[in-house]
N, C-alpha and C. Protein backbone atom coordinates (compact mmCIF):
# COMPACT_ATOMS: atom_id res chain seq x y z
N MET A 1 -16.27 34.67 -2.29
CA MET A 1 -15.00 34.70 -1.35
C MET A 1 -15.36 33.95 -0.35
N THR A 2 -14.48 32.51 0.01
CA THR A 2 -15.25 32.26 1.28
C THR A 2 -13.61 31.91 2.39
N GLU A 3 -13.62 31.96 3.54
CA GLU A 3 -12.19 32.46 3.63
C GLU A 3 -12.42 31.33 5.29
N LEU A 4 -11.60 30.66 5.34
CA LEU A 4 -11.27 29.32 6.26
C LEU A 4 -9.96 29.46 7.12
N THR A 5 -9.77 29.10 8.09
CA THR A 5 -8.55 29.12 9.46
C THR A 5 -8.34 28.00 8.72
N CYS A 6 -6.56 27.83 8.25
CA CYS A 6 -6.25 26.48 8.19
C CYS A 6 -5.53 26.00 10.08
N ILE A 7 -6.37 24.76 9.48
CA ILE A 7 -5.53 23.16 11.26
C ILE A 7 -4.53 22.97 10.91
N VAL A 8 -4.00 22.92 9.68
CA VAL A 8 -2.92 22.25 9.75
C VAL A 8 -1.44 21.89 10.20
N CYS A 9 -1.21 23.54 11.07
CA CYS A 9 -0.35 23.34 12.46
C CYS A 9 -1.05 24.61 12.53
N PRO A 10 0.06 24.89 13.84
CA PRO A 10 -0.28 26.07 14.65
C PRO A 10 -0.45 26.96 14.51
N ARG A 11 -0.20 27.53 13.50
CA ARG A 11 0.16 28.98 12.78
C ARG A 11 -1.40 29.46 12.49
N SER A 12 -2.67 28.36 12.68
CA SER A 12 -3.52 28.89 12.48
C SER A 12 -4.34 30.06 10.99
N CYS A 13 -3.75 30.06 9.65
CA CYS A 13 -3.77 31.16 8.92
C CYS A 13 -4.81 31.04 8.10
N LYS A 14 -5.07 32.36 8.54
CA LYS A 14 -6.53 32.58 7.63
C LYS A 14 -6.37 33.15 6.14
N LEU A 15 -7.33 32.03 5.69
CA LEU A 15 -7.39 31.00 4.47
C LEU A 15 -8.09 32.26 3.45
N GLN A 16 -8.16 32.71 2.24
CA GLN A 16 -9.32 33.07 1.44
C GLN A 16 -9.22 32.44 0.20
N ILE A 17 -10.56 32.39 -0.37
CA ILE A 17 -10.41 30.65 -1.05
C ILE A 17 -11.10 31.89 -2.19
N SER A 18 -11.11 32.11 -3.42
CA SER A 18 -12.03 32.52 -4.61
C SER A 18 -11.86 31.78 -5.71
N ALA A 19 -12.71 31.54 -7.28
CA ALA A 19 -12.56 30.63 -7.49
C ALA A 19 -12.66 31.57 -9.26
N ASP A 20 -11.64 31.21 -10.24
CA ASP A 20 -11.73 31.46 -11.37
C ASP A 20 -11.25 30.99 -12.40
N LYS A 21 -13.16 30.84 -12.55
CA LYS A 21 -13.51 29.90 -13.35
C LYS A 21 -13.59 28.62 -12.61
N GLU A 22 -12.98 27.62 -13.45
CA GLU A 22 -12.90 26.84 -12.98
C GLU A 22 -11.63 26.22 -12.10
N THR A 23 -11.30 27.28 -11.76
CA THR A 23 -9.55 27.39 -10.29
C THR A 23 -9.81 27.57 -9.56
N LEU A 24 -9.50 26.95 -7.72
CA LEU A 24 -9.68 27.71 -6.78
C LEU A 24 -8.56 28.70 -6.67
N ILE A 25 -8.20 29.35 -6.38
CA ILE A 25 -7.18 30.93 -5.87
C ILE A 25 -7.62 30.78 -4.11
N VAL A 26 -6.18 30.01 -3.46
CA VAL A 26 -6.33 30.61 -2.26
C VAL A 26 -4.97 31.44 -1.75
N THR A 27 -5.40 32.49 -1.08
CA THR A 27 -4.12 33.34 -0.43
C THR A 27 -4.50 33.20 0.85
N GLY A 28 -3.92 33.95 1.21
CA GLY A 28 -3.51 33.99 2.81
C GLY A 28 -2.17 32.53 3.94
N ASN A 29 -2.57 31.78 2.93
CA ASN A 29 -1.04 30.53 3.69
C ASN A 29 0.05 31.51 3.76
N ALA A 30 0.58 30.63 4.57
CA ALA A 30 2.53 30.81 5.03
C ALA A 30 2.77 29.52 4.37
N CYS A 31 2.28 28.10 3.97
CA CYS A 31 3.49 27.02 3.30
C CYS A 31 1.77 26.37 1.95
N LYS A 32 2.23 25.64 1.99
CA LYS A 32 1.73 24.47 0.32
C LYS A 32 1.25 24.12 1.17
N ARG A 33 1.32 23.86 2.25
CA ARG A 33 0.53 22.71 3.00
C ARG A 33 -1.45 23.51 3.13
N GLY A 34 -1.64 25.15 4.00
CA GLY A 34 -1.92 25.26 3.96
C GLY A 34 -3.55 26.33 2.24
N ALA A 35 -2.28 25.62 1.17
CA ALA A 35 -3.20 25.74 -0.04
C ALA A 35 -4.10 24.25 -0.36
N VAL A 36 -3.01 22.97 0.01
CA VAL A 36 -4.10 21.73 -0.52
C VAL A 36 -5.12 22.02 0.87
N PHE A 37 -4.62 21.96 1.95
CA PHE A 37 -6.58 22.07 2.99
C PHE A 37 -7.17 22.64 2.48
N ALA A 38 -6.73 24.03 1.94
CA ALA A 38 -8.09 25.13 1.67
C ALA A 38 -8.69 24.18 0.35
N GLN A 39 -7.91 23.73 -1.10
CA GLN A 39 -8.56 23.51 -1.94
C GLN A 39 -9.30 21.45 -1.67
N ASN A 40 -8.81 21.08 -0.24
CA ASN A 40 -9.86 19.91 -0.20
C ASN A 40 -11.26 20.36 0.65
N GLU A 41 -10.69 20.88 1.39
CA GLU A 41 -11.80 21.64 2.21
C GLU A 41 -13.20 22.43 1.18
N MET A 42 -12.76 23.18 -0.20
CA MET A 42 -13.70 23.13 -0.45
C MET A 42 -13.72 22.49 -1.42
N THR A 43 -13.08 21.03 -2.31
CA THR A 43 -13.97 20.00 -3.09
C THR A 43 -14.00 19.32 -2.14
N ASP A 44 -13.57 18.32 -1.01
CA ASP A 44 -13.67 17.02 -0.38
C ASP A 44 -13.19 17.16 0.98
N PRO A 45 -13.79 17.99 1.65
CA PRO A 45 -13.65 18.07 3.16
C PRO A 45 -13.82 16.86 3.69
N ARG A 46 -12.66 16.42 4.09
CA ARG A 46 -12.51 14.58 5.42
C ARG A 46 -12.77 15.30 7.01
N ARG A 47 -13.07 14.17 7.59
CA ARG A 47 -12.90 14.41 9.21
C ARG A 47 -12.47 13.48 9.84
N THR A 48 -11.25 13.24 11.30
CA THR A 48 -11.25 12.19 11.25
C THR A 48 -12.54 12.08 12.82
N LEU A 49 -12.93 10.50 13.73
CA LEU A 49 -13.95 10.83 14.00
C LEU A 49 -13.44 9.28 15.00
N CYS A 50 -13.86 10.40 16.53
CA CYS A 50 -13.74 9.44 17.48
C CYS A 50 -14.76 9.27 18.27
N SER A 51 -14.78 7.98 18.92
CA SER A 51 -15.94 8.11 19.72
C SER A 51 -15.99 6.79 20.29
N THR A 52 -16.77 6.28 21.18
CA THR A 52 -16.93 5.07 21.81
C THR A 52 -17.74 3.70 21.22
N VAL A 53 -17.53 2.51 21.18
CA VAL A 53 -18.54 1.39 20.99
C VAL A 53 -18.61 1.08 22.20
N ALA A 54 -19.73 0.02 22.55
CA ALA A 54 -20.42 -0.27 23.36
C ALA A 54 -20.03 -1.64 23.56
N THR A 55 -19.57 -2.52 24.84
CA THR A 55 -18.84 -3.84 24.88
C THR A 55 -19.57 -4.53 25.70
N VAL A 56 -20.00 -6.05 25.82
CA VAL A 56 -20.31 -7.18 26.85
C VAL A 56 -20.53 -7.17 27.80
N PHE A 57 -18.54 -5.89 28.09
CA PHE A 57 -18.01 -6.34 29.17
C PHE A 57 -18.42 -5.41 30.15
N PRO A 58 -19.32 -5.92 31.42
CA PRO A 58 -19.67 -5.10 32.67
C PRO A 58 -18.59 -4.14 33.11
N GLU A 59 -17.73 -4.77 33.21
CA GLU A 59 -16.26 -3.48 33.91
C GLU A 59 -16.41 -2.43 33.00
N ALA A 60 -16.07 -3.08 31.48
CA ALA A 60 -15.41 -2.05 30.78
C ALA A 60 -17.18 -1.79 29.74
N PRO A 61 -18.06 -0.83 29.60
CA PRO A 61 -19.35 -0.73 28.99
C PRO A 61 -18.96 -0.16 27.63
N VAL A 62 -18.63 0.59 27.69
CA VAL A 62 -17.46 1.36 26.28
C VAL A 62 -16.21 1.49 25.84
N LEU A 63 -15.34 0.73 24.82
CA LEU A 63 -14.15 1.39 24.62
C LEU A 63 -14.04 2.59 23.76
N PRO A 64 -13.36 3.10 23.85
CA PRO A 64 -12.91 3.89 22.97
C PRO A 64 -12.28 3.51 21.20
N VAL A 65 -13.17 4.28 19.92
CA VAL A 65 -12.94 3.91 19.60
C VAL A 65 -12.04 5.03 18.12
N ARG A 66 -11.64 5.13 17.28
CA ARG A 66 -11.53 6.27 15.71
C ARG A 66 -11.49 5.51 14.52
N VAL A 67 -11.54 6.85 13.65
CA VAL A 67 -11.46 5.91 12.21
C VAL A 67 -10.00 5.72 12.20
N SER A 68 -9.67 4.98 11.08
CA SER A 68 -7.47 4.55 10.82
C SER A 68 -7.63 5.70 9.92
N ASP A 69 -8.21 6.45 9.24
CA ASP A 69 -8.19 7.41 8.53
C ASP A 69 -9.23 8.52 8.19
N GLU A 70 -8.97 9.60 7.63
CA GLU A 70 -10.60 10.81 7.40
C GLU A 70 -10.97 9.69 6.63
N ILE A 71 -12.45 10.22 7.00
CA ILE A 71 -13.44 10.15 5.78
C ILE A 71 -14.15 11.53 5.51
N PRO A 72 -14.86 11.03 4.42
CA PRO A 72 -15.77 12.18 4.27
C PRO A 72 -16.46 12.90 5.13
N LYS A 73 -16.34 14.65 5.35
CA LYS A 73 -17.61 14.86 6.89
C LYS A 73 -19.07 14.73 6.41
N ALA A 74 -19.71 13.99 4.75
CA ALA A 74 -21.09 13.92 4.94
C ALA A 74 -20.99 12.57 5.41
N LYS A 75 -20.29 11.93 5.29
CA LYS A 75 -20.99 10.64 5.80
C LYS A 75 -20.16 10.11 7.50
N ILE A 76 -20.13 11.60 7.92
CA ILE A 76 -20.01 11.26 10.27
C ILE A 76 -21.26 10.59 10.15
N PHE A 77 -22.34 11.14 10.46
CA PHE A 77 -23.59 10.29 10.75
C PHE A 77 -23.95 9.01 10.24
N ASP A 78 -24.08 8.59 9.30
CA ASP A 78 -23.21 7.24 8.49
C ASP A 78 -22.76 6.14 9.63
N VAL A 79 -21.48 6.72 9.62
CA VAL A 79 -19.88 6.46 10.51
C VAL A 79 -20.85 5.72 12.06
N MET A 80 -21.37 7.51 12.06
CA MET A 80 -22.06 7.17 13.81
C MET A 80 -22.66 5.99 13.98
N ARG A 81 -23.69 6.12 12.76
CA ARG A 81 -24.90 4.54 13.01
C ARG A 81 -24.38 3.33 12.95
N GLU A 82 -23.45 3.12 12.11
CA GLU A 82 -22.71 1.82 12.39
C GLU A 82 -22.05 1.57 13.42
N ILE A 83 -21.33 2.71 14.36
CA ILE A 83 -20.92 2.55 15.25
C ILE A 83 -21.51 2.03 16.21
N ASN A 84 -22.75 2.61 16.80
CA ASN A 84 -23.85 2.84 17.53
C ASN A 84 -24.36 1.34 17.92
N ARG A 85 -24.36 0.44 16.43
CA ARG A 85 -24.99 -0.72 16.36
C ARG A 85 -24.06 -1.24 16.90
N THR A 86 -23.25 -0.95 16.63
CA THR A 86 -21.35 -2.50 17.09
C THR A 86 -21.51 -2.99 18.20
N VAL A 87 -21.28 -3.52 18.62
CA VAL A 87 -20.95 -4.57 20.03
C VAL A 87 -19.68 -5.22 20.19
N VAL A 88 -19.01 -4.28 21.01
CA VAL A 88 -17.76 -5.48 21.05
C VAL A 88 -17.74 -6.35 21.95
N LYS A 89 -17.78 -7.92 21.44
CA LYS A 89 -17.42 -9.21 22.45
C LYS A 89 -16.21 -9.85 22.85
N THR A 90 -15.10 -9.53 21.95
CA THR A 90 -13.99 -9.88 22.55
C THR A 90 -12.78 -8.94 22.91
N ARG A 91 -12.07 -9.88 23.53
CA ARG A 91 -11.17 -8.64 24.05
C ARG A 91 -10.14 -8.39 23.17
N ILE A 92 -10.21 -7.13 22.83
CA ILE A 92 -8.91 -6.30 21.94
C ILE A 92 -8.74 -5.00 22.59
N GLY A 93 -7.35 -4.88 22.17
CA GLY A 93 -6.24 -4.13 22.06
C GLY A 93 -6.08 -2.67 21.42
N ARG A 94 -5.37 -2.01 21.88
CA ARG A 94 -5.19 -0.98 20.77
C ARG A 94 -4.84 -0.82 19.55
N GLY A 95 -5.56 -0.17 18.57
CA GLY A 95 -5.28 -0.77 16.94
C GLY A 95 -5.94 -1.60 16.50
N ASP A 96 -6.60 -2.35 17.64
CA ASP A 96 -7.40 -3.70 16.54
C ASP A 96 -8.72 -3.69 15.92
N VAL A 97 -9.09 -3.92 14.80
CA VAL A 97 -10.06 -3.83 14.23
C VAL A 97 -11.58 -3.86 15.29
N VAL A 98 -12.33 -2.84 14.19
CA VAL A 98 -13.56 -3.36 15.25
C VAL A 98 -14.79 -3.59 14.29
N ILE A 99 -14.71 -2.52 13.63
CA ILE A 99 -15.45 -2.46 11.91
C ILE A 99 -14.32 -1.98 10.76
N LYS A 100 -14.40 -3.37 10.52
CA LYS A 100 -13.16 -3.37 8.72
C LYS A 100 -13.78 -2.62 7.34
N ASN A 101 -13.34 -1.50 7.29
CA ASN A 101 -14.12 -0.59 5.96
C ASN A 101 -14.96 -0.56 6.19
N VAL A 102 -15.31 0.86 6.95
CA VAL A 102 -16.71 1.14 7.76
C VAL A 102 -17.41 1.86 7.04
N LEU A 103 -18.91 1.38 6.06
CA LEU A 103 -19.72 2.04 4.74
C LEU A 103 -18.67 1.69 3.31
N GLY A 104 -17.64 1.25 3.28
CA GLY A 104 -17.28 1.10 2.06
C GLY A 104 -15.99 2.04 1.74
N LEU A 105 -15.58 2.83 3.48
CA LEU A 105 -14.86 4.46 3.11
C LEU A 105 -13.66 4.48 2.60
N GLY A 106 -12.94 3.09 3.03
CA GLY A 106 -11.98 2.59 3.25
C GLY A 106 -11.21 2.94 4.04
N ALA A 107 -11.59 3.44 5.42
CA ALA A 107 -11.26 3.19 6.43
C ALA A 107 -12.30 2.50 7.74
N ASP A 108 -11.01 1.87 8.58
CA ASP A 108 -11.53 1.20 9.71
C ASP A 108 -11.67 1.84 10.79
N VAL A 109 -13.08 1.47 11.16
CA VAL A 109 -13.22 1.68 13.22
C VAL A 109 -12.06 0.64 14.05
N ILE A 110 -10.85 1.38 14.83
CA ILE A 110 -9.93 0.90 15.51
C ILE A 110 -9.91 1.40 16.91
N ALA A 111 -9.83 0.53 17.92
CA ALA A 111 -9.39 0.56 18.57
C ALA A 111 -8.84 1.41 19.42
N THR A 112 -8.88 2.66 20.34
CA THR A 112 -7.92 3.37 21.07
C THR A 112 -7.22 3.40 22.16
N SER A 113 -7.74 1.73 23.25
CA SER A 113 -7.37 2.09 24.10
C SER A 113 -7.18 -0.08 24.20
N ASP A 114 -6.28 -0.11 25.60
CA ASP A 114 -6.10 -1.73 25.93
C ASP A 114 -6.79 -1.87 27.24
N LEU A 115 -8.07 -1.30 27.20
CA LEU A 115 -8.89 -1.32 28.29
C LEU A 115 -9.06 -2.56 28.42
N LEU A 116 -9.89 -3.32 27.62
CA LEU A 116 -10.36 -4.81 27.44
C LEU A 116 -9.55 -5.65 27.63
N LYS A 117 -8.09 -5.02 27.57
CA LYS A 117 -6.69 -5.94 27.90
C LYS A 117 -6.76 -6.14 28.83
N GLU A 118 -6.70 -4.89 28.86
CA GLU A 118 -5.71 -4.16 30.80
C GLU A 118 -7.26 -5.60 31.91
N LYS A 119 -8.31 -5.04 31.40
CA LYS A 119 -9.44 -5.92 32.37
C LYS A 119 -9.23 -7.57 32.79
N ALA A 120 -9.14 -8.17 31.52
CA ALA A 120 -8.74 -9.40 31.25
C ALA A 120 -7.20 -9.93 32.23
N GLY A 121 -6.61 -8.96 31.82
CA GLY A 121 -4.80 -8.91 32.74
C GLY A 121 -5.72 -9.26 34.92
N GLU A 122 -6.08 -8.50 34.74
CA GLU A 122 -7.04 -8.29 36.33
C GLU A 122 -7.51 -9.24 36.68
N THR A 123 -8.42 -9.78 35.81
CA THR A 123 -9.54 -11.24 36.43
C THR A 123 -8.37 -12.40 36.50
N SER A 124 -7.26 -12.42 35.75
CA SER A 124 -6.55 -13.39 35.38
C SER A 124 -5.74 -13.98 36.52
């Protein structure tokens, strides 16, 4: 039996997951979303990743970024290597794509700040 704390909502249900032949049995959840969370966590755990990416702009040497969709937990360090290799050379804003379809995972790395656009406005 595996125990998890559900993170889907603030209730933080204590989930128990056991296997019955080829089926996962989830108990302790107060809603269906908790059961789905537990199933996914046991079969294909995914995470959201937030970080910063380097820029060529001295007034803003780093820009906050995140992935546009959850990525496989096992790929976090691979995605971080891609982010660490990337340098933003144009003034982009919130929601703009920094790395398209990172590692073919179906998620983009996107900017989460207008910092570069704001700095451009100050110098104009």
